[in-house]
């Protein structure tokens, strides 16, 4: 069964782009426009990996990752952001913006324990 991917990004174009790349890889997507929306989604417990933008309105990406680490300690997280990668929190993989479909695939592979 293909992994289910949580994608959290408040920019509609970025959310749609990541979602499209992930679906092209054959994965199911649970999309959310905010950290609060992601945490309230009952499908959160069924995702296999999360792609989180760091710059979110309200609860930011850093805080969302902290909550996910408590709620789902084994959930791999991929950070996506326009911020410098040196400023990313400790996660399984990263996806600096702008990104390509190949970069999305490599980040998901790395996060899920494979080699890109």
N, C-alpha and C. Protein backbone atom coordinates (compact mmCIF):
# COMPACT_ATOMS: atom_id res chain seq x y z
N UNK A 1 0.84 -1.18 0.00
CA UNK A 1 0.00 0.00 0.00
C UNK A 1 0.89 1.25 0.00
N UNK A 2 0.50 2.23 -0.76
CA UNK A 2 1.27 3.45 -0.90
C UNK A 2 1.15 4.33 0.34
N UNK A 3 2.22 5.00 0.72
CA UNK A 3 2.17 5.88 1.90
C UNK A 3 1.14 7.00 1.73
N UNK A 4 0.55 7.38 2.83
CA UNK A 4 -0.36 8.53 2.87
C UNK A 4 0.44 9.70 3.42
N UNK A 5 0.36 10.84 2.72
CA UNK A 5 1.21 11.99 3.03
C UNK A 5 0.35 13.17 3.48
N UNK A 6 0.66 13.70 4.66
CA UNK A 6 0.06 14.95 5.13
C UNK A 6 0.89 16.09 4.56
N UNK A 7 0.23 17.04 3.89
CA UNK A 7 0.90 18.22 3.35
C UNK A 7 0.27 19.44 3.99
N UNK A 8 1.10 20.26 4.65
CA UNK A 8 0.60 21.46 5.32
C UNK A 8 1.33 22.67 4.77
N UNK A 9 0.58 23.53 4.06
CA UNK A 9 1.13 24.76 3.51
C UNK A 9 -0.01 25.75 3.34
N UNK A 10 0.20 26.99 3.80
CA UNK A 10 -0.87 27.99 3.74
C UNK A 10 -0.98 28.68 2.39
N UNK A 11 0.03 28.54 1.54
CA UNK A 11 -0.02 29.14 0.21
C UNK A 11 -0.74 28.18 -0.74
N UNK A 12 -1.90 28.58 -1.28
CA UNK A 12 -2.68 27.67 -2.13
C UNK A 12 -1.89 27.09 -3.30
N UNK A 13 -1.07 27.91 -3.96
CA UNK A 13 -0.30 27.42 -5.10
C UNK A 13 0.73 26.38 -4.67
N UNK A 14 1.41 26.64 -3.56
CA UNK A 14 2.41 25.69 -3.06
C UNK A 14 1.75 24.39 -2.61
N UNK A 15 0.62 24.51 -1.91
CA UNK A 15 -0.12 23.33 -1.46
C UNK A 15 -0.54 22.48 -2.66
N UNK A 16 -1.06 23.14 -3.69
CA UNK A 16 -1.49 22.42 -4.89
C UNK A 16 -0.31 21.78 -5.61
N UNK A 17 0.82 22.48 -5.66
CA UNK A 17 2.00 21.94 -6.35
C UNK A 17 2.57 20.72 -5.63
N UNK A 18 2.73 20.82 -4.32
CA UNK A 18 3.25 19.67 -3.57
C UNK A 18 2.27 18.50 -3.69
N UNK A 19 0.99 18.80 -3.55
CA UNK A 19 -0.03 17.75 -3.65
C UNK A 19 0.05 17.05 -5.00
N UNK A 20 0.19 17.82 -6.06
CA UNK A 20 0.27 17.24 -7.41
C UNK A 20 1.50 16.34 -7.53
N UNK A 21 2.66 16.81 -7.06
CA UNK A 21 3.88 16.00 -7.13
C UNK A 21 3.72 14.70 -6.33
N UNK A 22 3.15 14.80 -5.14
CA UNK A 22 2.99 13.61 -4.28
C UNK A 22 2.02 12.62 -4.92
N UNK A 23 0.93 13.11 -5.48
CA UNK A 23 -0.03 12.21 -6.14
C UNK A 23 0.57 11.55 -7.38
N UNK A 24 1.42 12.28 -8.10
CA UNK A 24 2.08 11.69 -9.28
C UNK A 24 2.98 10.52 -8.88
N UNK A 25 3.46 10.56 -7.64
CA UNK A 25 4.28 9.46 -7.13
C UNK A 25 3.42 8.27 -6.68
N UNK A 26 2.10 8.44 -6.75
CA UNK A 26 1.19 7.36 -6.40
C UNK A 26 0.75 7.34 -4.95
N UNK A 27 1.00 8.42 -4.22
CA UNK A 27 0.64 8.48 -2.81
C UNK A 27 -0.69 9.21 -2.60
N UNK A 28 -1.39 8.83 -1.55
CA UNK A 28 -2.58 9.56 -1.12
C UNK A 28 -2.14 10.81 -0.38
N UNK A 29 -2.94 11.86 -0.45
CA UNK A 29 -2.60 13.12 0.20
C UNK A 29 -3.71 13.56 1.13
N UNK A 30 -3.32 14.01 2.30
CA UNK A 30 -4.20 14.71 3.23
C UNK A 30 -3.66 16.13 3.26
N UNK A 31 -4.38 17.09 2.69
CA UNK A 31 -3.90 18.46 2.56
C UNK A 31 -4.54 19.35 3.62
N UNK A 32 -3.73 20.27 4.16
CA UNK A 32 -4.22 21.22 5.17
C UNK A 32 -3.58 22.58 4.93
N UNK A 33 -4.36 23.66 5.15
CA UNK A 33 -3.87 25.02 4.94
C UNK A 33 -3.29 25.64 6.20
N UNK A 34 -3.38 24.92 7.32
CA UNK A 34 -2.83 25.45 8.57
C UNK A 34 -2.50 24.30 9.50
N UNK A 35 -1.70 24.61 10.51
CA UNK A 35 -1.37 23.60 11.52
C UNK A 35 -2.62 23.16 12.25
N UNK A 36 -3.46 24.14 12.57
CA UNK A 36 -4.69 23.82 13.31
C UNK A 36 -5.60 22.89 12.51
N UNK A 37 -5.71 23.15 11.20
CA UNK A 37 -6.51 22.28 10.34
C UNK A 37 -5.93 20.87 10.28
N UNK A 38 -4.62 20.78 10.19
CA UNK A 38 -3.97 19.47 10.14
C UNK A 38 -4.21 18.68 11.42
N UNK A 39 -4.08 19.35 12.57
CA UNK A 39 -4.26 18.66 13.85
C UNK A 39 -5.70 18.26 14.11
N UNK A 40 -6.64 18.98 13.52
CA UNK A 40 -8.06 18.66 13.71
C UNK A 40 -8.56 17.58 12.76
N UNK A 41 -7.78 17.27 11.73
CA UNK A 41 -8.21 16.30 10.72
C UNK A 41 -8.13 14.89 11.30
N UNK A 42 -9.25 14.14 11.29
CA UNK A 42 -9.22 12.77 11.82
C UNK A 42 -8.30 11.84 11.04
N UNK A 43 -7.93 12.22 9.82
CA UNK A 43 -7.03 11.40 9.01
C UNK A 43 -5.57 11.50 9.47
N UNK A 44 -5.28 12.43 10.39
CA UNK A 44 -3.91 12.61 10.87
C UNK A 44 -3.34 11.31 11.41
N UNK A 45 -4.15 10.52 12.06
CA UNK A 45 -3.66 9.28 12.65
C UNK A 45 -3.35 8.21 11.62
N UNK A 46 -3.74 8.44 10.36
CA UNK A 46 -3.49 7.42 9.33
C UNK A 46 -2.41 7.83 8.33
N UNK A 47 -1.74 8.98 8.54
CA UNK A 47 -0.70 9.38 7.59
C UNK A 47 0.62 8.70 7.94
N UNK A 48 1.45 8.51 6.92
CA UNK A 48 2.74 7.83 7.08
C UNK A 48 3.92 8.78 7.12
N UNK A 49 3.72 10.00 6.64
CA UNK A 49 4.77 11.02 6.60
C UNK A 49 4.09 12.38 6.48
N UNK A 50 4.74 13.42 7.02
CA UNK A 50 4.19 14.77 6.94
C UNK A 50 5.18 15.69 6.25
N UNK A 51 4.67 16.54 5.35
CA UNK A 51 5.45 17.61 4.74
C UNK A 51 4.90 18.91 5.31
N UNK A 52 5.74 19.65 6.05
CA UNK A 52 5.28 20.82 6.79
C UNK A 52 6.06 22.06 6.36
N UNK A 53 5.32 23.10 5.96
CA UNK A 53 5.93 24.39 5.70
C UNK A 53 6.19 25.06 7.05
N UNK A 54 7.34 25.70 7.20
CA UNK A 54 7.66 26.32 8.48
C UNK A 54 6.92 27.62 8.72
N UNK A 55 6.62 28.35 7.66
CA UNK A 55 5.97 29.65 7.81
C UNK A 55 4.47 29.49 7.61
N UNK A 56 3.77 29.26 8.70
CA UNK A 56 2.32 29.10 8.69
C UNK A 56 1.69 30.17 9.56
N UNK A 57 0.48 30.61 9.22
CA UNK A 57 -0.21 31.58 10.09
C UNK A 57 -0.70 30.87 11.36
N UNK A 58 -0.88 31.62 12.43
CA UNK A 58 -1.31 31.00 13.68
C UNK A 58 -0.18 30.15 14.23
N UNK A 59 -0.46 28.89 14.48
CA UNK A 59 0.58 27.97 14.93
C UNK A 59 1.56 27.76 13.78
N UNK A 60 2.82 28.05 14.01
CA UNK A 60 3.83 27.91 12.97
C UNK A 60 4.26 26.46 12.76
N UNK A 61 5.06 26.26 11.75
CA UNK A 61 5.53 24.92 11.42
C UNK A 61 6.38 24.30 12.51
N UNK A 62 7.23 25.11 13.17
CA UNK A 62 8.05 24.57 14.26
C UNK A 62 7.16 23.99 15.36
N UNK A 63 6.13 24.76 15.73
CA UNK A 63 5.22 24.29 16.79
C UNK A 63 4.44 23.06 16.35
N UNK A 64 4.01 23.05 15.08
CA UNK A 64 3.30 21.88 14.57
C UNK A 64 4.18 20.64 14.65
N UNK A 65 5.44 20.78 14.27
CA UNK A 65 6.36 19.64 14.32
C UNK A 65 6.51 19.15 15.76
N UNK A 66 6.61 20.08 16.72
CA UNK A 66 6.70 19.68 18.13
C UNK A 66 5.47 18.90 18.56
N UNK A 67 4.28 19.36 18.17
CA UNK A 67 3.04 18.65 18.52
C UNK A 67 3.01 17.28 17.86
N UNK A 68 3.40 17.22 16.59
CA UNK A 68 3.42 15.93 15.89
C UNK A 68 4.38 14.96 16.56
N UNK A 69 5.52 15.44 17.04
CA UNK A 69 6.51 14.58 17.71
C UNK A 69 5.92 13.98 18.98
N UNK A 70 5.05 14.72 19.66
CA UNK A 70 4.40 14.20 20.88
C UNK A 70 3.27 13.25 20.50
N UNK A 71 2.45 13.70 19.57
CA UNK A 71 1.25 12.93 19.21
C UNK A 71 1.55 11.69 18.37
N UNK A 72 2.52 11.82 17.49
CA UNK A 72 2.90 10.72 16.58
C UNK A 72 4.42 10.61 16.56
N UNK A 73 5.04 10.09 17.62
CA UNK A 73 6.51 10.10 17.74
C UNK A 73 7.25 9.43 16.59
N UNK A 74 6.65 8.46 15.94
CA UNK A 74 7.33 7.74 14.86
C UNK A 74 7.03 8.32 13.47
N UNK A 75 6.28 9.42 13.41
CA UNK A 75 5.91 10.01 12.12
C UNK A 75 7.09 10.77 11.52
N UNK A 76 7.59 10.34 10.36
CA UNK A 76 8.66 11.09 9.71
C UNK A 76 8.14 12.44 9.22
N UNK A 77 8.99 13.46 9.32
CA UNK A 77 8.60 14.81 8.92
C UNK A 77 9.59 15.34 7.89
N UNK A 78 9.03 15.97 6.86
CA UNK A 78 9.81 16.69 5.85
C UNK A 78 9.48 18.16 6.02
N UNK A 79 10.50 19.01 6.13
CA UNK A 79 10.30 20.45 6.21
C UNK A 79 10.42 21.03 4.81
N UNK A 80 9.49 21.94 4.47
CA UNK A 80 9.62 22.71 3.25
C UNK A 80 9.54 24.18 3.63
N UNK A 81 10.40 24.99 3.01
CA UNK A 81 10.42 26.40 3.39
C UNK A 81 11.30 27.19 2.43
N UNK A 82 11.06 28.51 2.44
CA UNK A 82 11.95 29.42 1.73
C UNK A 82 13.10 29.84 2.64
N UNK A 83 13.02 29.51 3.92
CA UNK A 83 14.07 29.85 4.86
C UNK A 83 15.33 29.05 4.57
N UNK A 84 16.45 29.52 5.05
CA UNK A 84 17.73 28.83 4.88
C UNK A 84 17.67 27.46 5.55
N UNK A 85 18.11 26.44 4.87
CA UNK A 85 18.05 25.07 5.39
C UNK A 85 18.80 24.92 6.71
N UNK A 86 19.78 25.77 6.96
CA UNK A 86 20.51 25.72 8.23
C UNK A 86 19.61 26.07 9.41
N UNK A 87 18.48 26.73 9.13
CA UNK A 87 17.55 27.14 10.19
C UNK A 87 16.42 26.14 10.41
N UNK A 88 16.40 25.04 9.68
CA UNK A 88 15.33 24.05 9.82
C UNK A 88 15.48 23.31 11.14
N UNK A 89 14.34 22.90 11.74
CA UNK A 89 14.43 22.03 12.92
C UNK A 89 14.92 20.65 12.51
N UNK A 90 15.28 19.85 13.50
CA UNK A 90 15.74 18.48 13.21
C UNK A 90 14.56 17.65 12.72
N UNK A 91 14.65 17.19 11.48
CA UNK A 91 13.61 16.36 10.86
C UNK A 91 14.29 15.30 10.00
N UNK A 92 13.49 14.40 9.46
CA UNK A 92 14.03 13.30 8.67
C UNK A 92 14.48 13.73 7.28
N UNK A 93 13.85 14.77 6.72
CA UNK A 93 14.22 15.24 5.38
C UNK A 93 13.77 16.69 5.20
N UNK A 94 14.29 17.32 4.17
CA UNK A 94 13.97 18.71 3.92
C UNK A 94 13.71 18.91 2.44
N UNK A 95 12.94 19.95 2.14
CA UNK A 95 12.52 20.25 0.77
C UNK A 95 12.52 21.77 0.59
N UNK A 96 13.71 22.35 0.38
CA UNK A 96 13.77 23.80 0.22
C UNK A 96 12.97 24.26 -0.99
N UNK A 97 12.31 25.42 -0.85
CA UNK A 97 11.57 26.01 -1.97
C UNK A 97 12.50 26.94 -2.73
N UNK A 98 12.40 27.02 -4.04
CA UNK A 98 11.50 26.25 -4.90
C UNK A 98 12.02 24.82 -5.06
N UNK A 99 11.14 23.91 -5.40
CA UNK A 99 11.51 22.50 -5.50
C UNK A 99 10.98 21.92 -6.80
N UNK A 100 11.50 20.78 -7.16
CA UNK A 100 11.07 20.05 -8.36
C UNK A 100 10.38 18.76 -7.92
N UNK A 101 9.76 18.10 -8.86
CA UNK A 101 9.15 16.80 -8.58
C UNK A 101 10.17 15.79 -8.11
N UNK A 102 11.37 15.85 -8.70
CA UNK A 102 12.44 14.94 -8.27
C UNK A 102 12.84 15.21 -6.82
N UNK A 103 12.86 16.48 -6.43
CA UNK A 103 13.21 16.83 -5.04
C UNK A 103 12.14 16.34 -4.07
N UNK A 104 10.88 16.41 -4.46
CA UNK A 104 9.80 15.88 -3.62
C UNK A 104 9.99 14.38 -3.44
N UNK A 105 10.24 13.68 -4.53
CA UNK A 105 10.44 12.24 -4.45
C UNK A 105 11.63 11.89 -3.57
N UNK A 106 12.74 12.60 -3.73
CA UNK A 106 13.94 12.32 -2.93
C UNK A 106 13.68 12.58 -1.45
N UNK A 107 12.98 13.66 -1.13
CA UNK A 107 12.68 13.98 0.28
C UNK A 107 11.78 12.92 0.90
N UNK A 108 10.76 12.50 0.18
CA UNK A 108 9.87 11.46 0.72
C UNK A 108 10.62 10.14 0.88
N UNK A 109 11.46 9.79 -0.06
CA UNK A 109 12.24 8.55 0.04
C UNK A 109 13.14 8.60 1.27
N UNK A 110 13.82 9.72 1.45
CA UNK A 110 14.71 9.89 2.60
C UNK A 110 13.92 9.81 3.91
N UNK A 111 12.78 10.49 3.96
CA UNK A 111 11.97 10.51 5.19
C UNK A 111 11.43 9.13 5.54
N UNK A 112 11.13 8.35 4.53
CA UNK A 112 10.56 7.02 4.76
C UNK A 112 11.63 5.95 4.93
N UNK A 113 12.90 6.38 5.05
CA UNK A 113 13.96 5.44 5.38
C UNK A 113 14.70 4.84 4.21
N UNK A 114 14.41 5.32 3.00
CA UNK A 114 15.14 4.83 1.84
C UNK A 114 16.28 5.77 1.52
N UNK A 115 16.98 5.47 0.46
CA UNK A 115 18.04 6.37 0.01
C UNK A 115 17.57 7.03 -1.27
N UNK A 116 17.70 8.36 -1.33
CA UNK A 116 17.21 9.08 -2.52
C UNK A 116 17.99 8.78 -3.78
